[in-house]
Amino acid sequence: DPYGNELQLTQMAVVDELAAAGELVKG
């Protein structure tokens, strides 16, 4: 990260985030 820390656990659930984004226009 910008402060020199190594990220240990961060895995972003991208497909969940995109699914939620899609719901905004589906209703």
mmCIF file of all heavy atoms, coordinates in Angstrom:
data_MODEL
# 
_entry.id   MODEL 
# 
loop_
_atom_site.group_PDB 
_atom_site.id 
_atom_site.type_symbol 
_atom_site.label_atom_id 
_atom_site.label_alt_id 
_atom_site.label_comp_id 
_atom_site.label_asym_id 
_atom_site.label_entity_id 
_atom_site.label_seq_id 
_atom_site.pdbx_PDB_ins_code 
_atom_site.Cartn_x 
_atom_site.Cartn_y 
_atom_site.Cartn_z 
_atom_site.occupancy 
_atom_site.B_iso_or_equiv 
_atom_site.pdbx_formal_charge 
_atom_site.auth_seq_id 
_atom_site.auth_comp_id 
_atom_site.auth_asym_id 
_atom_site.auth_atom_id 
_atom_site.pdbx_PDB_model_num 
ATOM 1   N N   . ASP A 1 1  ? 0.843   -1.199  0.000   1.00 0.00 ? 1  ASP A N   1 
ATOM 2   C CA  . ASP A 1 1  ? 0.000   0.000   0.000   1.00 0.00 ? 1  ASP A CA  1 
ATOM 3   C C   . ASP A 1 1  ? 0.884   1.258   0.000   1.00 0.00 ? 1  ASP A C   1 
ATOM 4   O O   . ASP A 1 1  ? 2.128   1.164   0.091   1.00 0.00 ? 1  ASP A O   1 
ATOM 5   C CB  . ASP A 1 1  ? -0.986  -0.018  1.172   1.00 0.00 ? 1  ASP A CB  1 
ATOM 6   C CG  . ASP A 1 1  ? -0.326  0.194   2.534   1.00 0.00 ? 1  ASP A CG  1 
ATOM 7   O OD1 . ASP A 1 1  ? 0.851   0.603   2.596   1.00 0.00 ? 1  ASP A OD1 1 
ATOM 8   O OD2 . ASP A 1 1  ? -1.004  -0.029  3.553   1.00 0.00 ? 1  ASP A OD2 1 
ATOM 9   N N   . PRO A 1 2  ? 0.314   2.470   -0.133  1.00 0.00 ? 2  PRO A N   1 
ATOM 10  C CA  . PRO A 1 2  ? 1.123   3.696   -0.211  1.00 0.00 ? 2  PRO A CA  1 
ATOM 11  C C   . PRO A 1 2  ? 1.987   3.962   1.018   1.00 0.00 ? 2  PRO A C   1 
ATOM 12  O O   . PRO A 1 2  ? 2.911   4.777   0.957   1.00 0.00 ? 2  PRO A O   1 
ATOM 13  C CB  . PRO A 1 2  ? 0.068   4.789   -0.389  1.00 0.00 ? 2  PRO A CB  1 
ATOM 14  C CG  . PRO A 1 2  ? -1.087  4.108   -1.033  1.00 0.00 ? 2  PRO A CG  1 
ATOM 15  C CD  . PRO A 1 2  ? -1.117  2.749   -0.423  1.00 0.00 ? 2  PRO A CD  1 
ATOM 16  N N   . TYR A 1 3  ? 1.695   3.257   2.144   1.00 0.00 ? 3  TYR A N   1 
ATOM 17  C CA  . TYR A 1 3  ? 2.474   3.467   3.360   1.00 0.00 ? 3  TYR A CA  1 
ATOM 18  C C   . TYR A 1 3  ? 3.541   2.393   3.548   1.00 0.00 ? 3  TYR A C   1 
ATOM 19  O O   . TYR A 1 3  ? 4.180   2.311   4.592   1.00 0.00 ? 3  TYR A O   1 
ATOM 20  C CB  . TYR A 1 3  ? 1.542   3.496   4.575   1.00 0.00 ? 3  TYR A CB  1 
ATOM 21  C CG  . TYR A 1 3  ? 0.621   4.687   4.571   1.00 0.00 ? 3  TYR A CG  1 
ATOM 22  C CD1 . TYR A 1 3  ? -0.628  4.615   3.963   1.00 0.00 ? 3  TYR A CD1 1 
ATOM 23  C CD2 . TYR A 1 3  ? 0.997   5.899   5.156   1.00 0.00 ? 3  TYR A CD2 1 
ATOM 24  C CE1 . TYR A 1 3  ? -1.478  5.699   3.939   1.00 0.00 ? 3  TYR A CE1 1 
ATOM 25  C CE2 . TYR A 1 3  ? 0.152   6.991   5.143   1.00 0.00 ? 3  TYR A CE2 1 
ATOM 26  C CZ  . TYR A 1 3  ? -1.080  6.893   4.532   1.00 0.00 ? 3  TYR A CZ  1 
ATOM 27  O OH  . TYR A 1 3  ? -1.923  7.978   4.498   1.00 0.00 ? 3  TYR A OH  1 
ATOM 28  N N   . GLY A 1 4  ? 3.688   1.526   2.540   1.00 0.00 ? 4  GLY A N   1 
ATOM 29  C CA  . GLY A 1 4  ? 4.715   0.502   2.610   1.00 0.00 ? 4  GLY A CA  1 
ATOM 30  C C   . GLY A 1 4  ? 4.302   -0.774  3.293   1.00 0.00 ? 4  GLY A C   1 
ATOM 31  O O   . GLY A 1 4  ? 5.145   -1.632  3.567   1.00 0.00 ? 4  GLY A O   1 
ATOM 32  N N   . ASN A 1 5  ? 2.992   -0.927  3.582   1.00 0.00 ? 5  ASN A N   1 
ATOM 33  C CA  . ASN A 1 5  ? 2.514   -2.142  4.234   1.00 0.00 ? 5  ASN A CA  1 
ATOM 34  C C   . ASN A 1 5  ? 2.132   -3.192  3.189   1.00 0.00 ? 5  ASN A C   1 
ATOM 35  O O   . ASN A 1 5  ? 1.446   -2.886  2.208   1.00 0.00 ? 5  ASN A O   1 
ATOM 36  C CB  . ASN A 1 5  ? 1.276   -1.825  5.090   1.00 0.00 ? 5  ASN A CB  1 
ATOM 37  C CG  . ASN A 1 5  ? 1.559   -0.759  6.121   1.00 0.00 ? 5  ASN A CG  1 
ATOM 38  O OD1 . ASN A 1 5  ? 2.464   -0.900  6.941   1.00 0.00 ? 5  ASN A OD1 1 
ATOM 39  N ND2 . ASN A 1 5  ? 0.799   0.322   6.086   1.00 0.00 ? 5  ASN A ND2 1 
ATOM 40  N N   . GLU A 1 6  ? 2.557   -4.422  3.420   1.00 0.00 ? 6  GLU A N   1 
ATOM 41  C CA  . GLU A 1 6  ? 2.148   -5.504  2.523   1.00 0.00 ? 6  GLU A CA  1 
ATOM 42  C C   . GLU A 1 6  ? 0.753   -5.981  2.894   1.00 0.00 ? 6  GLU A C   1 
ATOM 43  O O   . GLU A 1 6  ? 0.464   -6.288  4.047   1.00 0.00 ? 6  GLU A O   1 
ATOM 44  C CB  . GLU A 1 6  ? 3.132   -6.677  2.623   1.00 0.00 ? 6  GLU A CB  1 
ATOM 45  C CG  . GLU A 1 6  ? 2.783   -7.821  1.670   1.00 0.00 ? 6  GLU A CG  1 
ATOM 46  C CD  . GLU A 1 6  ? 3.777   -8.958  1.710   1.00 0.00 ? 6  GLU A CD  1 
ATOM 47  O OE1 . GLU A 1 6  ? 4.893   -8.743  2.231   1.00 0.00 ? 6  GLU A OE1 1 
ATOM 48  O OE2 . GLU A 1 6  ? 3.430   -10.057 1.242   1.00 0.00 ? 6  GLU A OE2 1 
ATOM 49  N N   . LEU A 1 7  ? -0.132  -6.028  1.916   1.00 0.00 ? 7  LEU A N   1 
ATOM 50  C CA  . LEU A 1 7  ? -1.503  -6.473  2.156   1.00 0.00 ? 7  LEU A CA  1 
ATOM 51  C C   . LEU A 1 7  ? -1.512  -7.985  2.335   1.00 0.00 ? 7  LEU A C   1 
ATOM 52  O O   . LEU A 1 7  ? -0.926  -8.722  1.547   1.00 0.00 ? 7  LEU A O   1 
ATOM 53  C CB  . LEU A 1 7  ? -2.393  -6.067  0.984   1.00 0.00 ? 7  LEU A CB  1 
ATOM 54  C CG  . LEU A 1 7  ? -2.464  -4.545  0.713   1.00 0.00 ? 7  LEU A CG  1 
ATOM 55  C CD1 . LEU A 1 7  ? -3.369  -4.253  -0.459  1.00 0.00 ? 7  LEU A CD1 1 
ATOM 56  C CD2 . LEU A 1 7  ? -2.936  -3.800  1.958   1.00 0.00 ? 7  LEU A CD2 1 
ATOM 57  N N   . GLN A 1 8  ? -2.203  -8.439  3.388   1.00 0.00 ? 8  GLN A N   1 
ATOM 58  C CA  . GLN A 1 8  ? -2.176  -9.857  3.744   1.00 0.00 ? 8  GLN A CA  1 
ATOM 59  C C   . GLN A 1 8  ? -3.474  -10.585 3.431   1.00 0.00 ? 8  GLN A C   1 
ATOM 60  O O   . GLN A 1 8  ? -3.457  -11.769 3.095   1.00 0.00 ? 8  GLN A O   1 
ATOM 61  C CB  . GLN A 1 8  ? -1.902  -9.997  5.262   1.00 0.00 ? 8  GLN A CB  1 
ATOM 62  C CG  . GLN A 1 8  ? -0.608  -9.355  5.719   1.00 0.00 ? 8  GLN A CG  1 
ATOM 63  C CD  . GLN A 1 8  ? 0.622   -10.106 5.244   1.00 0.00 ? 8  GLN A CD  1 
ATOM 64  O OE1 . GLN A 1 8  ? 0.577   -11.310 5.022   1.00 0.00 ? 8  GLN A OE1 1 
ATOM 65  N NE2 . GLN A 1 8  ? 1.729   -9.393  5.059   1.00 0.00 ? 8  GLN A NE2 1 
ATOM 66  N N   . LEU A 1 9  ? -4.615  -9.915  3.536   1.00 0.00 ? 9  LEU A N   1 
ATOM 67  C CA  . LEU A 1 9  ? -5.904  -10.601 3.484   1.00 0.00 ? 9  LEU A CA  1 
ATOM 68  C C   . LEU A 1 9  ? -6.847  -10.091 2.404   1.00 0.00 ? 9  LEU A C   1 
ATOM 69  O O   . LEU A 1 9  ? -7.896  -10.694 2.179   1.00 0.00 ? 9  LEU A O   1 
ATOM 70  C CB  . LEU A 1 9  ? -6.629  -10.472 4.845   1.00 0.00 ? 9  LEU A CB  1 
ATOM 71  C CG  . LEU A 1 9  ? -5.893  -11.041 6.060   1.00 0.00 ? 9  LEU A CG  1 
ATOM 72  C CD1 . LEU A 1 9  ? -6.639  -10.681 7.333   1.00 0.00 ? 9  LEU A CD1 1 
ATOM 73  C CD2 . LEU A 1 9  ? -5.745  -12.537 5.938   1.00 0.00 ? 9  LEU A CD2 1 
ATOM 74  N N   . THR A 1 10 ? -6.524  -9.027  1.747   1.00 0.00 ? 10 THR A N   1 
ATOM 75  C CA  . THR A 1 10 ? -7.489  -8.330  0.909   1.00 0.00 ? 10 THR A CA  1 
ATOM 76  C C   . THR A 1 10 ? -7.733  -9.055  -0.405  1.00 0.00 ? 10 THR A C   1 
ATOM 77  O O   . THR A 1 10 ? -6.889  -9.069  -1.296  1.00 0.00 ? 10 THR A O   1 
ATOM 78  C CB  . THR A 1 10 ? -7.034  -6.890  0.626   1.00 0.00 ? 10 THR A CB  1 
ATOM 79  O OG1 . THR A 1 10 ? -6.766  -6.239  1.879   1.00 0.00 ? 10 THR A OG1 1 
ATOM 80  C CG2 . THR A 1 10 ? -8.118  -6.126  -0.118  1.00 0.00 ? 10 THR A CG2 1 
ATOM 81  N N   . GLN A 1 11 ? -8.912  -9.668  -0.511  1.00 0.00 ? 11 GLN A N   1 
ATOM 82  C CA  . GLN A 1 11 ? -9.410  -10.251 -1.750  1.00 0.00 ? 11 GLN A CA  1 
ATOM 83  C C   . GLN A 1 11 ? -10.782 -9.635  -2.013  1.00 0.00 ? 11 GLN A C   1 
ATOM 84  O O   . GLN A 1 11 ? -11.721 -9.871  -1.255  1.00 0.00 ? 11 GLN A O   1 
ATOM 85  C CB  . GLN A 1 11 ? -9.539  -11.769 -1.646  1.00 0.00 ? 11 GLN A CB  1 
ATOM 86  C CG  . GLN A 1 11 ? -8.232  -12.524 -1.601  1.00 0.00 ? 11 GLN A CG  1 
ATOM 87  C CD  . GLN A 1 11 ? -8.476  -14.016 -1.486  1.00 0.00 ? 11 GLN A CD  1 
ATOM 88  O OE1 . GLN A 1 11 ? -8.994  -14.494 -0.486  1.00 0.00 ? 11 GLN A OE1 1 
ATOM 89  N NE2 . GLN A 1 11 ? -8.130  -14.755 -2.517  1.00 0.00 ? 11 GLN A NE2 1 
ATOM 90  N N   . MET A 1 12 ? -10.890 -8.854  -3.051  1.00 0.00 ? 12 MET A N   1 
ATOM 91  C CA  . MET A 1 12 ? -12.152 -8.195  -3.361  1.00 0.00 ? 12 MET A CA  1 
ATOM 92  C C   . MET A 1 12 ? -13.033 -9.148  -4.167  1.00 0.00 ? 12 MET A C   1 
ATOM 93  O O   . MET A 1 12 ? -12.610 -9.696  -5.185  1.00 0.00 ? 12 MET A O   1 
ATOM 94  C CB  . MET A 1 12 ? -11.912 -6.909  -4.153  1.00 0.00 ? 12 MET A CB  1 
ATOM 95  C CG  . MET A 1 12 ? -10.970 -5.929  -3.478  1.00 0.00 ? 12 MET A CG  1 
ATOM 96  S SD  . MET A 1 12 ? -11.463 -5.471  -1.789  1.00 0.00 ? 12 MET A SD  1 
ATOM 97  C CE  . MET A 1 12 ? -13.013 -4.642  -2.129  1.00 0.00 ? 12 MET A CE  1 
ATOM 98  N N   . ALA A 1 13 ? -14.266 -9.342  -3.704  1.00 0.00 ? 13 ALA A N   1 
ATOM 99  C CA  . ALA A 1 13 ? -15.210 -10.220 -4.401  1.00 0.00 ? 13 ALA A CA  1 
ATOM 100 C C   . ALA A 1 13 ? -15.809 -9.458  -5.578  1.00 0.00 ? 13 ALA A C   1 
ATOM 101 O O   . ALA A 1 13 ? -16.941 -8.978  -5.535  1.00 0.00 ? 13 ALA A O   1 
ATOM 102 C CB  . ALA A 1 13 ? -16.291 -10.705 -3.447  1.00 0.00 ? 13 ALA A CB  1 
ATOM 103 N N   . VAL A 1 14 ? -15.046 -9.351  -6.641  1.00 0.00 ? 14 VAL A N   1 
ATOM 104 C CA  . VAL A 1 14 ? -15.403 -8.503  -7.776  1.00 0.00 ? 14 VAL A CA  1 
ATOM 105 C C   . VAL A 1 14 ? -16.738 -8.898  -8.377  1.00 0.00 ? 14 VAL A C   1 
ATOM 106 O O   . VAL A 1 14 ? -17.565 -8.032  -8.713  1.00 0.00 ? 14 VAL A O   1 
ATOM 107 C CB  . VAL A 1 14 ? -14.285 -8.569  -8.841  1.00 0.00 ? 14 VAL A CB  1 
ATOM 108 C CG1 . VAL A 1 14 ? -14.751 -7.961  -10.157 1.00 0.00 ? 14 VAL A CG1 1 
ATOM 109 C CG2 . VAL A 1 14 ? -13.055 -7.837  -8.348  1.00 0.00 ? 14 VAL A CG2 1 
ATOM 110 N N   . VAL A 1 15 ? -16.989 -10.203 -8.527  1.00 0.00 ? 15 VAL A N   1 
ATOM 111 C CA  . VAL A 1 15 ? -18.236 -10.598 -9.180  1.00 0.00 ? 15 VAL A CA  1 
ATOM 112 C C   . VAL A 1 15 ? -19.452 -10.235 -8.329  1.00 0.00 ? 15 VAL A C   1 
ATOM 113 O O   . VAL A 1 15 ? -20.522 -9.935  -8.870  1.00 0.00 ? 15 VAL A O   1 
ATOM 114 C CB  . VAL A 1 15 ? -18.232 -12.094 -9.540  1.00 0.00 ? 15 VAL A CB  1 
ATOM 115 C CG1 . VAL A 1 15 ? -17.295 -12.358 -10.712 1.00 0.00 ? 15 VAL A CG1 1 
ATOM 116 C CG2 . VAL A 1 15 ? -17.871 -12.968 -8.350  1.00 0.00 ? 15 VAL A CG2 1 
ATOM 117 N N   . ASP A 1 16 ? -19.305 -10.233 -7.006  1.00 0.00 ? 16 ASP A N   1 
ATOM 118 C CA  . ASP A 1 16 ? -20.402 -9.758  -6.156  1.00 0.00 ? 16 ASP A CA  1 
ATOM 119 C C   . ASP A 1 16 ? -20.622 -8.255  -6.348  1.00 0.00 ? 16 ASP A C   1 
ATOM 120 O O   . ASP A 1 16 ? -21.763 -7.779  -6.414  1.00 0.00 ? 16 ASP A O   1 
ATOM 121 C CB  . ASP A 1 16 ? -20.102 -10.045 -4.685  1.00 0.00 ? 16 ASP A CB  1 
ATOM 122 C CG  . ASP A 1 16 ? -20.373 -11.490 -4.300  1.00 0.00 ? 16 ASP A CG  1 
ATOM 123 O OD1 . ASP A 1 16 ? -20.995 -12.221 -5.096  1.00 0.00 ? 16 ASP A OD1 1 
ATOM 124 O OD2 . ASP A 1 16 ? -19.964 -11.890 -3.197  1.00 0.00 ? 16 ASP A OD2 1 
ATOM 125 N N   . GLU A 1 17 ? -19.524 -7.509  -6.405  1.00 0.00 ? 17 GLU A N   1 
ATOM 126 C CA  . GLU A 1 17 ? -19.640 -6.065  -6.582  1.00 0.00 ? 17 GLU A CA  1 
ATOM 127 C C   . GLU A 1 17 ? -20.283 -5.722  -7.925  1.00 0.00 ? 17 GLU A C   1 
ATOM 128 O O   . GLU A 1 17 ? -21.133 -4.817  -8.015  1.00 0.00 ? 17 GLU A O   1 
ATOM 129 C CB  . GLU A 1 17 ? -18.257 -5.423  -6.469  1.00 0.00 ? 17 GLU A CB  1 
ATOM 130 C CG  . GLU A 1 17 ? -17.661 -5.545  -5.071  1.00 0.00 ? 17 GLU A CG  1 
ATOM 131 C CD  . GLU A 1 17 ? -16.253 -4.996  -4.977  1.00 0.00 ? 17 GLU A CD  1 
ATOM 132 O OE1 . GLU A 1 17 ? -15.447 -5.250  -5.893  1.00 0.00 ? 17 GLU A OE1 1 
ATOM 133 O OE2 . GLU A 1 17 ? -15.955 -4.296  -3.986  1.00 0.00 ? 17 GLU A OE2 1 
ATOM 134 N N   . LEU A 1 18 ? -19.921 -6.442  -8.967  1.00 0.00 ? 18 LEU A N   1 
ATOM 135 C CA  . LEU A 1 18 ? -20.503 -6.184  -10.278 1.00 0.00 ? 18 LEU A CA  1 
ATOM 136 C C   . LEU A 1 18 ? -21.964 -6.620  -10.319 1.00 0.00 ? 18 LEU A C   1 
ATOM 137 O O   . LEU A 1 18 ? -22.799 -5.973  -10.972 1.00 0.00 ? 18 LEU A O   1 
ATOM 138 C CB  . LEU A 1 18 ? -19.698 -6.899  -11.356 1.00 0.00 ? 18 LEU A CB  1 
ATOM 139 C CG  . LEU A 1 18 ? -18.270 -6.379  -11.563 1.00 0.00 ? 18 LEU A CG  1 
ATOM 140 C CD1 . LEU A 1 18 ? -17.508 -7.274  -12.526 1.00 0.00 ? 18 LEU A CD1 1 
ATOM 141 C CD2 . LEU A 1 18 ? -18.278 -4.942  -12.071 1.00 0.00 ? 18 LEU A CD2 1 
ATOM 142 N N   . ALA A 1 19 ? -22.294 -7.709  -9.628  1.00 0.00 ? 19 ALA A N   1 
ATOM 143 C CA  . ALA A 1 19 ? -23.690 -8.134  -9.558  1.00 0.00 ? 19 ALA A CA  1 
ATOM 144 C C   . ALA A 1 19 ? -24.547 -7.067  -8.891  1.00 0.00 ? 19 ALA A C   1 
ATOM 145 O O   . ALA A 1 19 ? -25.652 -6.751  -9.352  1.00 0.00 ? 19 ALA A O   1 
ATOM 146 C CB  . ALA A 1 19 ? -23.798 -9.455  -8.797  1.00 0.00 ? 19 ALA A CB  1 
ATOM 147 N N   . ALA A 1 20 ? -24.040 -6.500  -7.804  1.00 0.00 ? 20 ALA A N   1 
ATOM 148 C CA  . ALA A 1 20 ? -24.784 -5.442  -7.116  1.00 0.00 ? 20 ALA A CA  1 
ATOM 149 C C   . ALA A 1 20 ? -24.909 -4.203  -7.994  1.00 0.00 ? 20 ALA A C   1 
ATOM 150 O O   . ALA A 1 20 ? -25.962 -3.544  -8.020  1.00 0.00 ? 20 ALA A O   1 
ATOM 151 C CB  . ALA A 1 20 ? -24.097 -5.093  -5.799  1.00 0.00 ? 20 ALA A CB  1 
ATOM 152 N N   . ALA A 1 21 ? -23.861 -3.880  -8.725  1.00 0.00 ? 21 ALA A N   1 
ATOM 153 C CA  . ALA A 1 21 ? -23.924 -2.729  -9.629  1.00 0.00 ? 21 ALA A CA  1 
ATOM 154 C C   . ALA A 1 21 ? -24.985 -2.942  -10.704 1.00 0.00 ? 21 ALA A C   1 
ATOM 155 O O   . ALA A 1 21 ? -25.772 -2.045  -11.020 1.00 0.00 ? 21 ALA A O   1 
ATOM 156 C CB  . ALA A 1 21 ? -22.558 -2.495  -10.268 1.00 0.00 ? 21 ALA A CB  1 
ATOM 157 N N   . GLY A 1 22 ? -25.035 -4.150  -11.260 1.00 0.00 ? 22 GLY A N   1 
ATOM 158 C CA  . GLY A 1 22 ? -26.024 -4.434  -12.281 1.00 0.00 ? 22 GLY A CA  1 
ATOM 159 C C   . GLY A 1 22 ? -27.443 -4.309  -11.767 1.00 0.00 ? 22 GLY A C   1 
ATOM 160 O O   . GLY A 1 22 ? -28.352 -3.862  -12.492 1.00 0.00 ? 22 GLY A O   1 
ATOM 161 N N   . GLU A 1 23 ? -27.670 -4.673  -10.507 1.00 0.00 ? 23 GLU A N   1 
ATOM 162 C CA  . GLU A 1 23 ? -29.016 -4.590  -9.940  1.00 0.00 ? 23 GLU A CA  1 
ATOM 163 C C   . GLU A 1 23 ? -29.544 -3.157  -9.918  1.00 0.00 ? 23 GLU A C   1 
ATOM 164 O O   . GLU A 1 23 ? -30.761 -2.928  -9.952  1.00 0.00 ? 23 GLU A O   1 
ATOM 165 C CB  . GLU A 1 23 ? -29.010 -5.183  -8.522  1.00 0.00 ? 23 GLU A CB  1 
ATOM 166 C CG  . GLU A 1 23 ? -30.310 -5.046  -7.756  1.00 0.00 ? 23 GLU A CG  1 
ATOM 167 C CD  . GLU A 1 23 ? -31.482 -5.717  -8.462  1.00 0.00 ? 23 GLU A CD  1 
ATOM 168 O OE1 . GLU A 1 23 ? -31.261 -6.560  -9.347  1.00 0.00 ? 23 GLU A OE1 1 
ATOM 169 O OE2 . GLU A 1 23 ? -32.622 -5.364  -8.128  1.00 0.00 ? 23 GLU A OE2 1 
ATOM 170 N N   . LEU A 1 24 ? -28.654 -2.176  -9.900  1.00 0.00 ? 24 LEU A N   1 
ATOM 171 C CA  . LEU A 1 24 ? -29.089 -0.782  -9.865  1.00 0.00 ? 24 LEU A CA  1 
ATOM 172 C C   . LEU A 1 24 ? -29.925 -0.411  -11.082 1.00 0.00 ? 24 LEU A C   1 
ATOM 173 O O   . LEU A 1 24 ? -30.791 0.468   -11.002 1.00 0.00 ? 24 LEU A O   1 
ATOM 174 C CB  . LEU A 1 24 ? -27.866 0.144   -9.768  1.00 0.00 ? 24 LEU A CB  1 
ATOM 175 C CG  . LEU A 1 24 ? -27.062 0.055   -8.469  1.00 0.00 ? 24 LEU A CG  1 
ATOM 176 C CD1 . LEU A 1 24 ? -25.799 0.908   -8.582  1.00 0.00 ? 24 LEU A CD1 1 
ATOM 177 C CD2 . LEU A 1 24 ? -27.901 0.499   -7.276  1.00 0.00 ? 24 LEU A CD2 1 
ATOM 178 N N   . VAL A 1 25 ? -29.681 -1.050  -12.217 1.00 0.00 ? 25 VAL A N   1 
ATOM 179 C CA  . VAL A 1 25 ? -30.458 -0.710  -13.416 1.00 0.00 ? 25 VAL A CA  1 
ATOM 180 C C   . VAL A 1 25 ? -31.466 -1.794  -13.779 1.00 0.00 ? 25 VAL A C   1 
ATOM 181 O O   . VAL A 1 25 ? -32.240 -1.624  -14.715 1.00 0.00 ? 25 VAL A O   1 
ATOM 182 C CB  . VAL A 1 25 ? -29.539 -0.440  -14.635 1.00 0.00 ? 25 VAL A CB  1 
ATOM 183 C CG1 . VAL A 1 25 ? -28.590 0.707   -14.356 1.00 0.00 ? 25 VAL A CG1 1 
ATOM 184 C CG2 . VAL A 1 25 ? -28.776 -1.692  -15.043 1.00 0.00 ? 25 VAL A CG2 1 
ATOM 185 N N   . LYS A 1 26 ? -31.460 -2.906  -13.035 1.00 0.00 ? 26 LYS A N   1 
ATOM 186 C CA  . LYS A 1 26 ? -32.428 -3.957  -13.333 1.00 0.00 ? 26 LYS A CA  1 
ATOM 187 C C   . LYS A 1 26 ? -33.730 -3.748  -12.574 1.00 0.00 ? 26 LYS A C   1 
ATOM 188 O O   . LYS A 1 26 ? -34.811 -3.809  -13.147 1.00 0.00 ? 26 LYS A O   1 
ATOM 189 C CB  . LYS A 1 26 ? -31.840 -5.337  -12.987 1.00 0.00 ? 26 LYS A CB  1 
ATOM 190 C CG  . LYS A 1 26 ? -30.768 -5.807  -13.971 1.00 0.00 ? 26 LYS A CG  1 
ATOM 191 C CD  . LYS A 1 26 ? -30.440 -7.280  -13.770 1.00 0.00 ? 26 LYS A CD  1 
ATOM 192 C CE  . LYS A 1 26 ? -29.795 -7.564  -12.447 1.00 0.00 ? 26 LYS A CE  1 
ATOM 193 N NZ  . LYS A 1 26 ? -29.469 -8.984  -12.260 1.00 0.00 ? 26 LYS A NZ  1 
ATOM 194 N N   . GLY A 1 27 ? -33.645 -3.525  -11.260 1.00 0.00 ? 27 GLY A N   1 
ATOM 195 C CA  . GLY A 1 27 ? -34.862 -3.376  -10.475 1.00 0.00 ? 27 GLY A CA  1 
ATOM 196 C C   . GLY A 1 27 ? -35.579 -4.697  -10.314 1.00 0.00 ? 27 GLY A C   1 
ATOM 197 O O   . GLY A 1 27 ? -35.223 -5.712  -10.907 1.00 0.00 ? 27 GLY A O   1 
# 
